[in-house]
Amino acid sequence: MSKSHLHGLILAGGRGTRFWPRSRTHAPKQLLSFLGERSLIQETVDRLAPIIPVENIWVLTNSHLEKEVRRQLPEVPKQQILAEPAQRNTAPCLCLAAQILFERDPDAVLGVFPADHHIGRPARFRHWMKPAFKAAQAGQLVTLGVAPRWAETGYGYLEFPKGIALGQAQPVPLRRFREKPDLKTAQRFLKAGNYFWNAGIFFWRAGAFLNAMRQYLPKTAALLAALPRFGERGFAARLAEAYPLCENISVDYGVMEKSDNVVGLAADDFGWNDLGSWNAVYELLARDTAGNASRSPMITEGARGNYVEAPGKLVALVGVDDLVVVDTPDALLVAHRSKAQRVGQLVKQLEASGRHELL
């Protein structure tokens, strides 16, 4: 398969509220660095580059972030960093991308990659991209399953056929998509061995996905098919009118769960982590003998299992365990690591109280 037909779509429109106070409306999770100097979206482009030409990288974001995304990704053509006119979930934005690409290249094969994930073994991830693109070129809708490392209740799952071999390079038909389970169900999934985490990573021919959209979400498909060609006069104005009328639905619900040509790859470990909370960052960082991790100066006395991020100042911890401490110029977060997923609820409280300067 010629690389000229391979395209990468990076989804970069989320808010990352569970990383408040660092993650804000104009600087959300995907534009921040957590494990090095490069931001998550920059890391995403870096790991795709050996397979997908940079001129074939596309980014879908929102109007708040468009300028900063372009600043962080100068190598990506500016016109290929697009801002959605409204939030309509993943099915409409993926249909829009497929429509644009199909008009430019009827043989386009597209990979879809969230911008806010960390992948610790990028070379191994690229190993899985190759059979995924090959199956997509043959007309299948492909998703990548991540082998579960624990009984996680915060992820959706992909149900593979029983007896699926971990690391099998041949895609197989999926039995079904499963919603986020309760703990008992997640434990059963883990034990069964044929349930994989749904990482939201997809591959398909642009034309094959448009066919699926016409079948399962015909209203959205028709609205976007009626737009002028990308780059022509009137495209942006017509998009702004049509896009809010599209169904507000995820690609999982709207297309993948209904289609009869969905296959999955049961990938082995490529270091995937969706960085869902401050605790996830803690788990990936080096820690001292007492289990403390820090991205800024820290001293401790009888303190264990803490995460600290307070640029420009020394943080001293005495007799406290399992805390997250994150300091910014206008806000300080102190949370128990086991409750780090609930930080997003604080953002809702700030919204309700009108504290928009802190969002």
Protein backbone atom coordinates (compact mmCIF):
# COMPACT_ATOMS: atom_id res chain seq x y z
CA MET A 1 0.00 0.00 0.00
CA SER A 2 1.39 3.39 -0.98
CA LYS A 3 2.01 5.77 1.91
CA SER A 4 0.51 8.52 -0.20
CA HIS A 5 -2.94 7.03 0.46
CA LEU A 6 -2.45 6.69 4.24
CA HIS A 7 -3.91 9.49 6.32
CA GLY A 8 -4.02 10.14 10.05
CA LEU A 9 -6.85 11.99 11.78
CA ILE A 10 -6.07 13.25 15.28
CA LEU A 11 -9.05 14.07 17.48
CA ALA A 12 -8.15 17.00 19.72
CA GLY A 13 -11.34 18.66 20.87
CA GLY A 14 -11.71 17.44 24.46
CA ARG A 15 -11.44 19.49 27.66
CA GLY A 16 -9.61 17.12 30.02
CA THR A 17 -11.43 18.40 33.11
CA ARG A 18 -9.94 15.72 35.37
CA PHE A 19 -6.57 17.46 34.96
CA TRP A 20 -7.74 20.73 36.44
CA PRO A 21 -6.15 23.08 37.52
CA ARG A 22 -3.53 22.63 34.78
CA SER A 23 -6.06 21.70 32.10
CA ARG A 24 -8.18 24.73 31.14
CA THR A 25 -10.53 25.62 28.29
CA HIS A 26 -7.70 27.22 26.28
CA ALA A 27 -5.01 24.74 27.39
CA PRO A 28 -6.62 21.31 27.84
CA LYS A 29 -4.98 17.99 28.52
CA GLN A 30 -3.95 17.21 24.93
CA LEU A 31 -1.92 20.44 24.68
CA LEU A 32 -0.02 19.83 27.92
CA SER A 33 3.14 17.84 28.63
CA PHE A 34 3.06 15.30 31.44
CA LEU A 35 5.96 12.91 30.90
CA GLY A 36 8.51 14.98 28.99
CA GLU A 37 8.91 18.18 27.01
CA ARG A 38 6.47 17.32 24.21
CA SER A 39 2.73 17.75 24.66
CA LEU A 40 0.40 14.79 24.19
CA ILE A 41 -0.71 15.99 20.75
CA GLN A 42 2.91 16.49 19.69
CA GLU A 43 3.71 12.95 20.88
CA THR A 44 0.79 11.69 18.81
CA VAL A 45 2.19 13.23 15.61
CA ASP A 46 5.69 11.97 16.48
CA ARG A 47 4.63 8.33 16.75
CA LEU A 48 2.63 8.43 13.50
CA ALA A 49 5.39 10.07 11.45
CA PRO A 50 7.31 6.89 10.49
CA ILE A 51 4.20 5.48 8.78
CA ILE A 52 1.98 8.43 7.82
CA PRO A 53 3.53 11.34 5.87
CA VAL A 54 3.14 14.57 7.83
CA GLU A 55 1.41 16.17 4.86
CA ASN A 56 -1.31 13.54 5.35
CA ILE A 57 -1.94 14.40 9.01
CA TRP A 58 -5.26 16.06 9.85
CA VAL A 59 -6.42 17.44 13.19
CA LEU A 60 -9.98 18.10 14.32
CA THR A 61 -10.24 20.46 17.27
CA ASN A 62 -12.43 23.41 18.35
CA SER A 63 -12.25 27.16 17.86
CA HIS A 64 -10.74 27.76 21.33
CA LEU A 65 -7.76 25.54 20.54
CA GLU A 66 -7.19 25.97 16.81
CA LYS A 67 -4.53 28.67 17.14
CA GLU A 68 -2.54 26.82 19.82
CA VAL A 69 -2.73 23.51 17.95
CA ARG A 70 -1.30 25.21 14.88
CA ARG A 71 1.47 26.72 17.00
CA GLN A 72 2.38 23.35 18.49
CA LEU A 73 2.22 21.50 15.16
CA PRO A 74 3.97 23.76 12.62
CA GLU A 75 4.83 20.72 10.49
CA VAL A 76 1.15 19.93 9.85
CA PRO A 77 -0.38 21.94 6.98
CA LYS A 78 -2.40 24.76 8.53
CA GLN A 79 -5.47 24.14 6.42
CA GLN A 80 -5.57 20.55 7.76
CA ILE A 81 -6.12 21.71 11.34
CA LEU A 82 -9.88 22.18 11.42
CA ALA A 83 -12.16 23.58 14.10
CA GLU A 84 -15.59 22.00 14.51
CA PRO A 85 -18.35 24.65 14.48
CA ALA A 86 -20.16 22.82 17.32
CA GLN A 87 -19.68 19.81 19.58
CA ARG A 88 -21.51 16.87 17.98
CA ASN A 89 -19.51 13.87 19.27
CA THR A 90 -17.36 11.62 17.11
CA ALA A 91 -19.63 10.29 14.34
CA PRO A 92 -20.17 13.66 12.60
CA CYS A 93 -16.54 14.74 12.83
CA LEU A 94 -15.31 11.42 11.43
CA CYS A 95 -17.85 11.67 8.63
CA LEU A 96 -16.62 15.18 7.84
CA ALA A 97 -13.01 13.98 7.69
CA ALA A 98 -13.93 11.02 5.49
CA GLN A 99 -15.92 13.29 3.16
CA ILE A 100 -13.00 15.70 2.74
CA LEU A 101 -10.47 12.93 2.19
CA PHE A 102 -12.61 10.93 -0.23
CA GLU A 103 -13.09 13.98 -2.44
CA ARG A 104 -9.32 14.56 -2.51
CA ASP A 105 -8.28 10.90 -2.77
CA PRO A 106 -10.90 8.16 -3.45
CA ASP A 107 -8.32 5.58 -2.30
CA ALA A 108 -7.69 7.29 1.05
CA VAL A 109 -7.30 4.98 4.06
CA LEU A 110 -7.73 6.74 7.35
CA GLY A 111 -6.49 6.04 10.88
CA VAL A 112 -8.24 7.79 13.79
CA PHE A 113 -6.15 8.62 16.87
CA PRO A 114 -7.14 10.45 20.08
CA ALA A 115 -4.71 13.26 20.89
CA ASP A 116 -4.77 12.80 24.66
CA HIS A 117 -3.41 9.28 25.10
CA HIS A 118 0.10 8.22 26.11
CA ILE A 119 1.72 5.27 24.36
CA GLY A 120 4.87 4.07 26.06
CA ARG A 121 6.01 1.75 23.25
CA PRO A 122 5.44 3.69 20.02
CA ALA A 123 7.38 1.24 17.85
CA ARG A 124 5.17 -1.61 19.04
CA PHE A 125 2.10 0.54 18.39
CA ARG A 126 3.26 1.08 14.79
CA HIS A 127 3.60 -2.70 14.49
CA TRP A 128 -0.18 -2.89 14.99
CA MET A 129 -0.92 0.00 12.66
CA LYS A 130 0.33 -2.01 9.67
CA PRO A 131 -2.18 -4.92 9.75
CA ALA A 132 -4.90 -2.44 10.75
CA PHE A 133 -4.30 -0.32 7.65
CA LYS A 134 -4.12 -3.46 5.49
CA ALA A 135 -7.52 -4.69 6.72
CA ALA A 136 -8.96 -1.20 6.29
CA GLN A 137 -7.73 -1.05 2.70
CA ALA A 138 -9.70 -4.25 2.05
CA GLY A 139 -12.89 -2.43 3.06
CA GLN A 140 -13.29 -3.41 6.71
CA LEU A 141 -13.90 -1.07 9.62
CA VAL A 142 -11.07 -1.82 12.03
CA THR A 143 -10.63 -1.12 15.72
CA LEU A 144 -7.68 -1.81 17.98
CA GLY A 145 -8.31 -3.68 21.23
CA VAL A 146 -5.97 -3.07 24.17
CA ALA A 147 -5.31 -6.08 26.41
CA PRO A 148 -6.72 -5.18 29.86
CA ARG A 149 -4.20 -5.01 32.67
CA TRP A 150 -6.79 -4.81 35.45
CA ALA A 151 -10.57 -4.83 35.90
CA GLU A 152 -11.24 -1.25 34.76
CA THR A 153 -14.76 0.20 35.08
CA GLY A 154 -13.97 3.49 33.32
CA TYR A 155 -13.46 2.05 29.81
CA GLY A 156 -15.74 0.45 27.26
CA TYR A 157 -14.76 -3.03 26.10
CA LEU A 158 -14.54 -4.92 22.81
CA GLU A 159 -15.80 -8.49 22.94
CA PHE A 160 -13.68 -10.75 20.73
CA PRO A 161 -14.51 -14.39 19.88
CA LYS A 162 -13.69 -16.84 22.65
CA GLY A 163 -10.19 -18.25 22.46
CA ILE A 164 -8.72 -15.19 20.76
CA ALA A 165 -4.93 -15.24 21.01
CA LEU A 166 -3.33 -12.15 22.50
CA GLY A 167 -1.11 -10.53 19.89
CA GLN A 168 -2.78 -12.26 16.94
CA ALA A 169 -1.89 -10.17 13.90
CA GLN A 170 -4.95 -11.23 11.89
CA PRO A 171 -8.07 -9.10 12.47
CA VAL A 172 -11.18 -11.03 13.49
CA PRO A 173 -14.89 -10.10 13.49
CA LEU A 174 -15.93 -8.54 16.79
CA ARG A 175 -18.83 -10.07 18.68
CA ARG A 176 -19.96 -6.72 20.09
CA PHE A 177 -19.06 -3.47 21.82
CA ARG A 178 -19.67 -3.44 25.56
CA GLU A 179 -20.48 -0.41 27.70
CA LYS A 180 -18.44 0.62 30.73
CA PRO A 181 -19.09 -2.22 33.20
CA ASP A 182 -19.54 -2.34 36.95
CA LEU A 183 -16.67 -3.85 38.94
CA LYS A 184 -18.10 -7.37 39.05
CA THR A 185 -18.61 -7.41 35.27
CA ALA A 186 -15.14 -5.92 34.66
CA GLN A 187 -13.62 -8.70 36.78
CA ARG A 188 -15.51 -11.28 34.70
CA PHE A 189 -14.25 -9.64 31.49
CA LEU A 190 -10.67 -9.76 32.74
CA LYS A 191 -10.92 -13.42 33.69
CA ALA A 192 -12.60 -14.43 30.41
CA GLY A 193 -9.63 -13.28 28.32
CA ASN A 194 -11.58 -12.25 25.22
CA TYR A 195 -12.57 -8.74 26.32
CA PHE A 196 -10.24 -5.88 25.40
CA TRP A 197 -10.29 -2.20 26.27
CA ASN A 198 -11.79 0.07 23.62
CA ALA A 199 -9.14 2.74 23.03
CA GLY A 200 -11.11 4.66 20.39
CA ILE A 201 -8.50 3.93 17.70
CA PHE A 202 -9.98 3.12 14.28
CA PHE A 203 -8.93 2.47 10.68
CA TRP A 204 -11.04 2.48 7.50
CA ARG A 205 -11.20 3.49 3.87
CA ALA A 206 -12.84 6.90 3.63
CA GLY A 207 -15.32 5.50 1.12
CA ALA A 208 -16.21 2.49 3.30
CA PHE A 209 -16.93 4.72 6.28
CA LEU A 210 -19.07 7.06 4.17
CA ASN A 211 -21.08 4.04 3.01
CA ALA A 212 -21.65 3.04 6.65
CA MET A 213 -22.68 6.59 7.54
CA ARG A 214 -25.20 6.66 4.68
CA GLN A 215 -26.65 3.41 5.97
CA TYR A 216 -26.79 4.09 9.69
CA LEU A 217 -26.76 7.90 10.06
CA PRO A 218 -28.22 9.09 6.77
CA LYS A 219 -29.19 12.55 8.02
CA THR A 220 -25.64 13.45 9.04
CA ALA A 221 -24.19 11.84 5.91
CA ALA A 222 -26.51 13.85 3.66
CA LEU A 223 -25.86 17.15 5.46
CA LEU A 224 -22.11 16.81 5.09
CA ALA A 225 -22.21 15.41 1.55
CA ALA A 226 -24.06 18.56 0.45
CA LEU A 227 -21.20 20.85 1.48
CA PRO A 228 -19.00 22.52 -1.12
CA ARG A 229 -15.67 20.80 -1.63
CA PHE A 230 -13.13 21.50 1.08
CA GLY A 231 -11.17 24.64 0.27
CA GLU A 232 -13.81 26.07 -2.04
CA ARG A 233 -15.50 29.38 -1.36
CA GLY A 234 -18.43 29.00 0.97
CA PHE A 235 -17.25 25.77 2.61
CA ALA A 236 -16.74 27.25 6.10
CA ALA A 237 -20.04 29.14 6.09
CA ARG A 238 -22.04 26.14 4.91
CA LEU A 239 -20.28 23.89 7.43
CA ALA A 240 -21.20 26.28 10.24
CA GLU A 241 -24.86 26.01 9.18
CA ALA A 242 -24.98 22.26 8.61
CA TYR A 243 -22.80 20.86 11.37
CA PRO A 244 -25.04 21.77 14.35
CA LEU A 245 -27.87 19.89 12.59
CA CYS A 246 -25.93 16.61 12.60
CA GLU A 247 -26.80 13.88 15.08
CA ASN A 248 -24.98 14.22 18.39
CA ILE A 249 -23.73 10.65 18.65
CA SER A 250 -20.49 8.71 19.00
CA VAL A 251 -19.14 6.57 16.19
CA ASP A 252 -19.36 3.54 18.49
CA TYR A 253 -23.12 3.90 18.99
CA GLY A 254 -23.93 5.35 15.59
CA VAL A 255 -21.93 3.09 13.28
CA MET A 256 -19.57 0.51 14.75
CA GLU A 257 -22.10 -1.33 16.91
CA LYS A 258 -24.44 -1.72 13.91
CA SER A 259 -22.09 -2.50 11.05
CA ASP A 260 -21.50 -6.07 9.87
CA ASN A 261 -17.94 -5.51 8.62
CA VAL A 262 -16.25 -4.46 11.88
CA VAL A 263 -13.10 -6.34 12.81
CA GLY A 264 -10.70 -6.00 15.70
CA LEU A 265 -7.04 -6.61 16.42
CA ALA A 266 -6.28 -8.15 19.81
CA ALA A 267 -3.12 -6.15 20.40
CA ASP A 268 -0.50 -7.08 22.95
CA ASP A 269 1.08 -4.49 25.23
CA PHE A 270 2.16 -1.28 23.47
CA GLY A 271 2.11 0.85 26.61
CA TRP A 272 -1.31 2.42 26.10
CA ASN A 273 -2.61 4.71 28.80
CA ASP A 274 -5.48 7.14 28.33
CA LEU A 275 -4.16 9.34 31.16
CA GLY A 276 -7.60 9.54 32.69
CA SER A 277 -6.55 11.24 35.92
CA TRP A 278 -3.63 12.61 37.91
CA ASN A 279 -3.23 9.14 39.40
CA ALA A 280 -2.49 7.77 35.92
CA VAL A 281 0.37 10.26 35.58
CA TYR A 282 1.67 9.20 39.00
CA GLU A 283 1.67 5.55 37.91
CA LEU A 284 3.86 6.32 34.89
CA LEU A 285 6.50 8.43 36.64
CA ALA A 286 9.62 7.32 38.46
CA ARG A 287 9.14 7.28 42.24
CA ASP A 288 11.43 7.51 45.25
CA THR A 289 11.84 4.75 47.84
CA ALA A 290 8.70 5.94 49.63
CA GLY A 291 6.66 5.88 46.43
CA ASN A 292 6.52 9.67 45.96
CA ALA A 293 6.60 11.15 42.44
CA SER A 294 7.19 14.78 41.58
CA ARG A 295 7.68 17.01 38.55
CA SER A 296 9.00 19.86 40.73
CA PRO A 297 11.24 20.19 43.80
CA MET A 298 10.00 18.19 46.78
CA ILE A 299 11.20 17.14 50.23
CA THR A 300 9.35 14.68 52.44
CA GLU A 301 9.28 13.48 56.02
CA GLY A 302 7.24 10.38 56.69
CA ALA A 303 5.21 10.90 53.51
CA ARG A 304 4.40 8.08 51.09
CA GLY A 305 2.77 7.57 47.70
CA ASN A 306 2.24 11.25 46.82
CA TYR A 307 2.26 13.11 43.49
CA VAL A 308 3.45 16.73 43.38
CA GLU A 309 3.48 19.26 40.55
CA ALA A 310 4.20 22.84 41.64
CA PRO A 311 6.47 24.62 39.15
CA GLY A 312 8.77 27.23 40.62
CA LYS A 313 8.48 26.28 44.27
CA LEU A 314 9.59 23.65 46.74
CA VAL A 315 6.84 21.48 48.20
CA ALA A 316 7.43 19.92 51.63
CA LEU A 317 5.26 16.98 52.67
CA VAL A 318 5.14 15.76 56.26
CA GLY A 319 3.23 12.68 57.39
CA VAL A 320 0.77 12.56 54.48
CA ASP A 321 0.10 9.64 52.15
CA ASP A 322 -1.36 9.14 48.67
CA LEU A 323 -2.06 12.78 47.86
CA VAL A 324 -2.12 14.68 44.57
CA VAL A 325 -0.81 18.23 44.94
CA VAL A 326 -0.96 20.42 41.81
CA ASP A 327 -0.26 24.14 42.00
CA THR A 328 -0.89 26.81 39.35
CA PRO A 329 -0.73 30.62 39.64
CA ASP A 330 -4.46 30.91 40.41
CA ALA A 331 -5.48 27.55 41.88
CA LEU A 332 -4.19 24.74 44.11
CA LEU A 333 -5.50 21.18 43.99
CA VAL A 334 -5.10 18.78 46.90
CA ALA A 335 -6.80 15.41 46.39
CA HIS A 336 -6.47 11.81 47.47
CA ARG A 337 -4.97 9.77 44.64
CA SER A 338 -7.77 7.21 44.88
CA LYS A 339 -10.32 10.00 44.29
CA ALA A 340 -8.47 11.72 41.44
CA GLN A 341 -11.19 10.79 38.93
CA ARG A 342 -13.54 13.12 40.80
CA VAL A 343 -11.55 16.27 39.99
CA GLY A 344 -13.84 16.79 37.01
CA GLN A 345 -16.71 17.35 39.44
CA LEU A 346 -14.87 20.42 40.77
CA VAL A 347 -14.94 21.89 37.27
CA LYS A 348 -18.71 21.44 37.19
CA GLN A 349 -18.95 23.28 40.52
CA LEU A 350 -16.85 26.14 39.16
CA GLU A 351 -19.09 26.33 36.07
CA ALA A 352 -22.23 26.38 38.22
CA SER A 353 -20.85 29.17 40.39
CA GLY A 354 -19.79 31.30 37.43
CA ARG A 355 -16.04 31.10 38.13
CA HIS A 356 -15.21 31.15 34.43
CA GLU A 357 -11.80 32.72 35.04
CA LEU A 358 -10.75 29.38 36.57
CA LEU A 359 -12.04 27.20 33.74
